[in-house]
C-alpha atoms as a PDB file:
ATOM      1  CA  MET A   1       2.169  20.335 -22.478  1.00  0.00           C
ATOM      2  CA  LYS A   2       5.757  21.475 -22.051  1.00  0.00           C
ATOM      3  CA  SER A   3       5.001  22.978 -18.615  1.00  0.00           C
ATOM      4  CA  LEU A   4       3.622  19.644 -17.399  1.00  0.00           C
ATOM      5  CA  ARG A   5       6.863  17.866 -18.283  1.00  0.00           C
ATOM      6  CA  LEU A   6       8.830  20.325 -16.148  1.00  0.00           C
ATOM      7  CA  TRP A   7       7.281  18.770 -13.049  1.00  0.00           C
ATOM      8  CA  SER A   8       8.630  15.313 -13.972  1.00  0.00           C
ATOM      9  CA  ARG A   9      11.837  14.404 -12.155  1.00  0.00           C
ATOM     10  CA  LEU A  10      11.297  17.322  -9.788  1.00  0.00           C
ATOM     11  CA  ASN A  11      13.619  17.150  -6.760  1.00  0.00           C
ATOM     12  CA  VAL A  12      12.142  18.605  -3.556  1.00  0.00           C
ATOM     13  CA  VAL A  13      14.145  18.680  -0.305  1.00  0.00           C
ATOM     14  CA  GLY A  14      12.948  20.063   3.022  1.00  0.00           C
ATOM     15  CA  ALA A  15       9.825  21.695   1.608  1.00  0.00           C
ATOM     16  CA  SER A  16       6.473  22.280   3.243  1.00  0.00           C
ATOM     17  CA  VAL A  17       3.458  22.073   0.945  1.00  0.00           C
ATOM     18  CA  ALA A  18       0.145  22.970   2.585  1.00  0.00           C
ATOM     19  CA  GLY A  19      -3.386  23.737   1.493  1.00  0.00           C
ATOM     20  CA  SER A  20      -2.616  23.041  -2.160  1.00  0.00           C
ATOM     21  CA  ARG A  21      -4.196  21.183  -5.049  1.00  0.00           C
ATOM     22  CA  PHE A  22      -2.408  19.315  -7.822  1.00  0.00           C
ATOM     23  CA  SER A  23      -4.810  18.297 -10.586  1.00  0.00           C
ATOM     24  CA  GLY A  24      -4.201  16.501 -13.882  1.00  0.00           C
ATOM     25  CA  THR A  25      -0.462  17.024 -13.815  1.00  0.00           C
ATOM     26  CA  THR A  26       2.528  14.726 -13.804  1.00  0.00           C
ATOM     27  CA  LEU A  27       5.120  14.369 -11.084  1.00  0.00           C
ATOM     28  CA  ARG A  28       6.638  11.194 -12.554  1.00  0.00           C
ATOM     29  CA  GLU A  29       9.993  10.178 -11.133  1.00  0.00           C
ATOM     30  CA  SER A  30       9.981  13.135  -8.744  1.00  0.00           C
ATOM     31  CA  THR A  31      11.839  12.937  -5.445  1.00  0.00           C
ATOM     32  CA  TRP A  32      10.522  14.421  -2.211  1.00  0.00           C
ATOM     33  CA  GLU A  33      12.898  14.230   0.769  1.00  0.00           C
ATOM     34  CA  GLU A  34      12.389  15.351   4.376  1.00  0.00           C
ATOM     35  CA  SER A  35       9.309  17.320   3.354  1.00  0.00           C
ATOM     36  CA  THR A  36       5.872  17.921   4.846  1.00  0.00           C
ATOM     37  CA  ILE A  37       2.682  17.521   2.809  1.00  0.00           C
ATOM     38  CA  ASN A  38      -0.340  18.845   4.735  1.00  0.00           C
ATOM     39  CA  GLY A  39      -3.872  19.462   3.512  1.00  0.00           C
ATOM     40  CA  VAL A  40      -3.065  18.704  -0.121  1.00  0.00           C
ATOM     41  CA  LEU A  41      -5.315  17.218  -2.796  1.00  0.00           C
ATOM     42  CA  PHE A  42      -3.630  15.172  -5.525  1.00  0.00           C
ATOM     43  CA  GLU A  43      -6.324  14.652  -8.154  1.00  0.00           C
ATOM     44  CA  GLN A  44      -5.572  12.551 -11.251  1.00  0.00           C
ATOM     45  CA  VAL A  45      -1.852  13.163 -10.795  1.00  0.00           C
ATOM     46  CA  ASP A  46       0.766  10.847 -12.276  1.00  0.00           C
ATOM     47  CA  LEU A  47       3.264  10.050  -9.528  1.00  0.00           C
ATOM     48  CA  SER A  48       4.641   6.912 -11.198  1.00  0.00           C
ATOM     49  CA  SER A  49       8.116   5.990  -9.961  1.00  0.00           C
ATOM     50  CA  ALA A  50       8.182   8.969  -7.580  1.00  0.00           C
ATOM     51  CA  ARG A  51      10.275   8.576  -4.406  1.00  0.00           C
ATOM     52  CA  TRP A  52       9.201  10.125  -1.112  1.00  0.00           C
ATOM     53  CA  GLU A  53      11.742   9.697   1.693  1.00  0.00           C
ATOM     54  CA  GLY A  54      11.391  10.898   5.266  1.00  0.00           C
ATOM     55  CA  THR A  55       8.248  12.778   4.327  1.00  0.00           C
ATOM     56  CA  ARG A  56       5.330  13.547   6.639  1.00  0.00           C
ATOM     57  CA  ILE A  57       1.971  13.325   4.848  1.00  0.00           C
ATOM     58  CA  GLU A  58      -1.066  14.589   6.751  1.00  0.00           C
ATOM     59  CA  ARG A  59      -4.691  15.432   5.915  1.00  0.00           C
ATOM     60  CA  THR A  60      -4.008  14.648   2.270  1.00  0.00           C
ATOM     61  CA  ALA A  61      -6.046  12.898  -0.427  1.00  0.00           C
ATOM     62  CA  PHE A  62      -4.908  11.090  -3.563  1.00  0.00           C
ATOM     63  CA  THR A  63      -7.862  10.523  -5.909  1.00  0.00           C
ATOM     64  CA  GLY A  64      -7.648   8.835  -9.295  1.00  0.00           C
ATOM     65  CA  CYS A  65      -3.838   9.001  -9.200  1.00  0.00           C
ATOM     66  CA  GLN A  66      -1.332   6.837 -11.052  1.00  0.00           C
ATOM     67  CA  LEU A  67       1.212   5.706  -8.442  1.00  0.00           C
ATOM     68  CA  SER A  68       2.784   2.691 -10.170  1.00  0.00           C
ATOM     69  CA  GLY A  69       6.261   2.090  -8.791  1.00  0.00           C
ATOM     70  CA  PHE A  70       5.705   4.821  -6.174  1.00  0.00           C
ATOM     71  CA  SER A  71       8.168   4.477  -3.280  1.00  0.00           C
ATOM     72  CA  VAL A  72       7.619   5.838   0.224  1.00  0.00           C
ATOM     73  CA  THR A  73      10.416   5.275   2.753  1.00  0.00           C
ATOM     74  CA  ASP A  74      10.712   6.223   6.450  1.00  0.00           C
ATOM     75  CA  ALA A  75       7.613   8.390   6.268  1.00  0.00           C
ATOM     76  CA  SER A  76       4.497   8.993   8.332  1.00  0.00           C
ATOM     77  CA  LEU A  77       0.896   9.067   7.124  1.00  0.00           C
ATOM     78  CA  GLY A  78      -1.919  10.632   9.118  1.00  0.00           C
ATOM     79  CA  ASN A  79      -5.475  11.212   7.911  1.00  0.00           C
ATOM     80  CA  VAL A  80      -4.608  10.217   4.350  1.00  0.00           C
ATOM     81  CA  LEU A  81      -6.965   8.874   1.695  1.00  0.00           C
ATOM     82  CA  PHE A  82      -5.976   6.944  -1.429  1.00  0.00           C
ATOM     83  CA  GLU A  83      -9.102   6.546  -3.572  1.00  0.00           C
ATOM     84  CA  ASN A  84      -9.365   4.986  -7.036  1.00  0.00           C
ATOM     85  CA  CYS A  85      -5.576   4.942  -7.339  1.00  0.00           C
ATOM     86  CA  ARG A  86      -3.207   2.538  -9.092  1.00  0.00           C
ATOM     87  CA  LEU A  87      -0.393   1.575  -6.750  1.00  0.00           C
ATOM     88  CA  ASP A  88       0.919  -1.466  -8.647  1.00  0.00           C
ATOM     89  CA  TYR A  89       4.507  -2.270  -7.728  1.00  0.00           C
ATOM     90  CA  ALA A  90       4.482   0.522  -5.130  1.00  0.00           C
ATOM     91  CA  THR A  91       6.747   0.161  -2.107  1.00  0.00           C
ATOM     92  CA  PHE A  92       6.059   1.381   1.405  1.00  0.00           C
ATOM     93  CA  HIS A  93       9.158   0.801   3.564  1.00  0.00           C
ATOM     94  CA  GLY A  94       9.382   1.835   7.203  1.00  0.00           C
ATOM     95  CA  VAL A  95       6.136   3.812   6.967  1.00  0.00           C
ATOM     96  CA  ARG A  96       4.012   4.404  10.054  1.00  0.00           C
ATOM     97  CA  THR A  97       0.517   5.753  10.494  1.00  0.00           C
ATOM     98  CA  THR A  98      -0.155   8.600  12.897  1.00  0.00           C
ATOM     99  CA  GLY A  99      -3.866   8.880  12.128  1.00  0.00           C
ATOM    100  CA  ALA A 100      -6.550   7.307   9.960  1.00  0.00           C
ATOM    101  CA  VAL A 101      -5.436   6.029   6.541  1.00  0.00           C
ATOM    102  CA  ALA A 102      -7.695   4.459   3.916  1.00  0.00           C
ATOM    103  CA  PHE A 103      -7.098   2.777   0.587  1.00  0.00           C
ATOM    104  CA  VAL A 104     -10.476   2.724  -1.190  1.00  0.00           C
ATOM    105  CA  ASN A 105     -10.996   0.966  -4.515  1.00  0.00           C
ATOM    106  CA  CYS A 106      -7.257   0.947  -5.222  1.00  0.00           C
ATOM    107  CA  THR A 107      -5.071  -1.501  -7.102  1.00  0.00           C
ATOM    108  CA  LEU A 108      -2.042  -2.588  -5.088  1.00  0.00           C
ATOM    109  CA  ALA A 109      -1.015  -5.491  -7.336  1.00  0.00           C
ATOM    110  CA  GLU A 110       2.504  -6.683  -6.492  1.00  0.00           C
ATOM    111  CA  ALA A 111       2.926  -3.804  -4.037  1.00  0.00           C
ATOM    112  CA  SER A 112       5.321  -4.276  -1.104  1.00  0.00           C
ATOM    113  CA  LEU A 113       4.754  -3.085   2.436  1.00  0.00           C
ATOM    114  CA  ILE A 114       7.942  -3.680   4.400  1.00  0.00           C
ATOM    115  CA  ASN A 115       8.503  -2.893   8.091  1.00  0.00           C
ATOM    116  CA  CYS A 116       5.382  -0.737   8.177  1.00  0.00           C
ATOM    117  CA  ARG A 117       3.257   0.083  11.198  1.00  0.00           C
ATOM    118  CA  PHE A 118      -0.160   0.264   9.545  1.00  0.00           C
ATOM    119  CA  SER A 119      -2.436  -0.057  12.559  1.00  0.00           C
ATOM    120  CA  ASP A 120      -6.018   1.001  11.949  1.00  0.00           C
ATOM    121  CA  VAL A 121      -5.536   1.314   8.171  1.00  0.00           C
ATOM    122  CA  VAL A 122      -8.597   0.472   6.093  1.00  0.00           C
ATOM    123  CA  PHE A 123      -8.308  -1.366   2.779  1.00  0.00           C
ATOM    124  CA  GLU A 124     -11.750  -1.225   1.143  1.00  0.00           C
ATOM    125  CA  GLN A 125     -12.545  -2.980  -2.163  1.00  0.00           C
ATOM    126  CA  CYS A 126      -8.868  -3.026  -3.152  1.00  0.00           C
ATOM    127  CA  ARG A 127      -7.103  -5.364  -5.555  1.00  0.00           C
ATOM    128  CA  LEU A 128      -4.320  -6.966  -3.505  1.00  0.00           C
ATOM    129  CA  ALA A 129      -3.087  -9.547  -6.044  1.00  0.00           C
ATOM    130  CA  GLY A 130       0.449 -10.489  -5.028  1.00  0.00           C
ATOM    131  CA  THR A 131       0.653  -7.739  -2.412  1.00  0.00           C
ATOM    132  CA  GLU A 132       3.437  -8.451   0.074  1.00  0.00           C
ATOM    133  CA  PHE A 133       3.295  -7.601   3.780  1.00  0.00           C
ATOM    134  CA  ASP A 134       6.826  -8.165   5.124  1.00  0.00           C
ATOM    135  CA  SER A 135       7.497  -7.659   8.850  1.00  0.00           C
ATOM    136  CA  CYS A 136       4.547  -5.292   9.163  1.00  0.00           C
ATOM    137  CA  GLU A 137       2.391  -4.498  12.136  1.00  0.00           C
ATOM    138  CA  LEU A 138      -1.219  -4.480  10.942  1.00  0.00           C
ATOM    139  CA  ARG A 139      -2.988  -4.838  14.303  1.00  0.00           C
ATOM    140  CA  GLY A 140      -6.394  -3.200  13.898  1.00  0.00           C
ATOM    141  CA  ALA A 141      -6.089  -2.832  10.113  1.00  0.00           C
ATOM    142  CA  ASP A 142      -9.338  -3.643   8.296  1.00  0.00           C
ATOM    143  CA  LEU A 143      -8.943  -6.013   5.345  1.00  0.00           C
ATOM    144  CA  ARG A 144     -12.598  -7.008   5.068  1.00  0.00           C
ATOM    145  CA  GLY A 145     -14.064  -6.866   1.561  1.00  0.00           C
ATOM    146  CA  ASN A 146     -10.792  -7.547  -0.265  1.00  0.00           C
ATOM    147  CA  LEU A 147      -9.675 -10.718  -2.037  1.00  0.00           C
ATOM    148  CA  LEU A 148      -6.764 -12.128  -0.002  1.00  0.00           C
ATOM    149  CA  ASP A 149      -6.012 -15.394  -1.827  1.00  0.00           C
ATOM    150  CA  SER A 150      -2.690 -14.275  -3.338  1.00  0.00           C
ATOM    151  CA  ILE A 151      -1.201 -11.986  -0.690  1.00  0.00           C
ATOM    152  CA  ARG A 152       2.205 -12.752   0.815  1.00  0.00           C
ATOM    153  CA  GLY A 153       3.332 -12.250   4.402  1.00  0.00           C
ATOM    154  CA  ILE A 154       0.346 -13.699   6.193  1.00  0.00           C
ATOM    155  CA  ALA A 155       2.188 -13.537   9.540  1.00  0.00           C
ATOM    156  CA  SER A 156       2.005  -9.725   9.326  1.00  0.00           C
ATOM    157  CA  LEU A 157      -1.788  -9.938   9.465  1.00  0.00           C
ATOM    158  CA  ARG A 158      -1.715 -10.735  13.189  1.00  0.00           C
ATOM    159  CA  GLY A 159      -4.483  -8.674  14.801  1.00  0.00           C
ATOM    160  CA  ALA A 160      -5.956  -7.430  11.506  1.00  0.00           C
ATOM    161  CA  LYS A 161      -9.706  -7.565  10.888  1.00  0.00           C
ATOM    162  CA  VAL A 162     -10.899 -10.084   8.284  1.00  0.00           C
ATOM    163  CA  ALA A 163     -14.315 -11.557   7.545  1.00  0.00           C
ATOM    164  CA  VAL A 164     -15.031 -15.211   8.252  1.00  0.00           C
ATOM    165  CA  ASP A 165     -15.392 -15.993   4.527  1.00  0.00           C
ATOM    166  CA  GLN A 166     -11.874 -14.592   3.948  1.00  0.00           C
ATOM    167  CA  LEU A 167     -10.366 -17.417   6.003  1.00  0.00           C
ATOM    168  CA  PHE A 168     -10.744 -19.700   2.986  1.00  0.00           C
ATOM    169  CA  GLU A 169      -8.910 -17.146   0.832  1.00  0.00           C
ATOM    170  CA  LEU A 170      -6.096 -16.984   3.379  1.00  0.00           C
ATOM    171  CA  ALA A 171      -5.979 -20.811   3.398  1.00  0.00           C
ATOM    172  CA  ARG A 172      -5.387 -20.701  -0.384  1.00  0.00           C
ATOM    173  CA  ALA A 173      -2.602 -18.124   0.058  1.00  0.00           C
ATOM    174  CA  LEU A 174      -0.876 -20.028   2.864  1.00  0.00           C
ATOM    175  CA  PRO A 175       0.927 -22.792   0.880  1.00  0.00           C
ATOM    176  CA  ALA A 176       2.584 -20.313  -1.496  1.00  0.00           C
ATOM    177  CA  ASP A 177       3.381 -17.913   1.335  1.00  0.00           C
ATOM    178  CA  LEU A 178       5.092 -20.650   3.360  1.00  0.00           C
ATOM    179  CA  GLU A 179       6.629 -22.245   0.244  1.00  0.00           C
ATOM    180  CA  LEU A 180       5.053 -25.559   1.206  1.00  0.00           C
ATOM    181  CA  GLN A 181       5.644 -28.555  -1.030  1.00  0.00           C
ATOM    182  CA  LEU A 182       2.250 -30.157  -1.412  1.00  0.00           C
ATOM    183  CA  SER A 183       1.902 -33.813  -2.276  1.00  0.00           C
ATOM    184  CA  GLY A 184      -0.599 -36.626  -1.924  1.00  0.00           C
ATOM    185  CA  PRO A 185      -1.125 -38.659   1.224  1.00  0.00           C
ATOM    186  CA  VAL A 186       1.659 -40.908   2.500  1.00  0.00           C
ATOM    187  CA  GLY A 187       1.023 -44.659   2.680  1.00  0.00           C
ATOM    188  CA  GLY A 188      -2.258 -44.775   0.818  1.00  0.00           C
ATOM    189  CA  GLY A 189      -3.926 -41.951   2.704  1.00  0.00           C
ATOM    190  CA  GLY A 190      -5.549 -44.002   5.466  1.00  0.00           C
ATOM    191  CA  ARG A 191      -4.832 -43.762   9.149  1.00  0.00           C
ATOM    192  CA  SER A 192      -3.933 -46.915  10.947  1.00  0.00           C
ATOM    193  CA  GLY A 193      -5.120 -47.486  14.456  1.00  0.00           C
END
């Protein structure tokens, strides 16, 4: 168990990790800066509160990982899969996609995506409760099959794919997102002619 704790708070700068597998270990509160991750499998890895800055992530899979509070800044993602991961309170800031990216059966509760270019990203069967999309470009992103009634930043969804039945969910999210003050009808509710 002692060896696993040595990986916590790891500080990696300018590294290239390729063709590797991390399984059942912890990288909590680790920092990865200006690094390249290529062809790596993260399987049941705890990356809670890890910070990845200026990192290029390609052909990489995260399966069954704990990524609560995970922070990715000024990075690129290409051909990356997040499957069965917990990304609650995660932050993606200034992240762009350079290839296919999928979030499958993930929890992104209260996650923040800020200034991201996430075109053609697929969110499949994800929990997006309170997820914030702030100044993002999601043109071509696929949000079908996810509950959207409590997301924030609806304007960022311009050009994203949603199912017709999700329009009602977005209608429920709209008043909170726009901070509308709802009240009853004015003047008795009838229209005068």
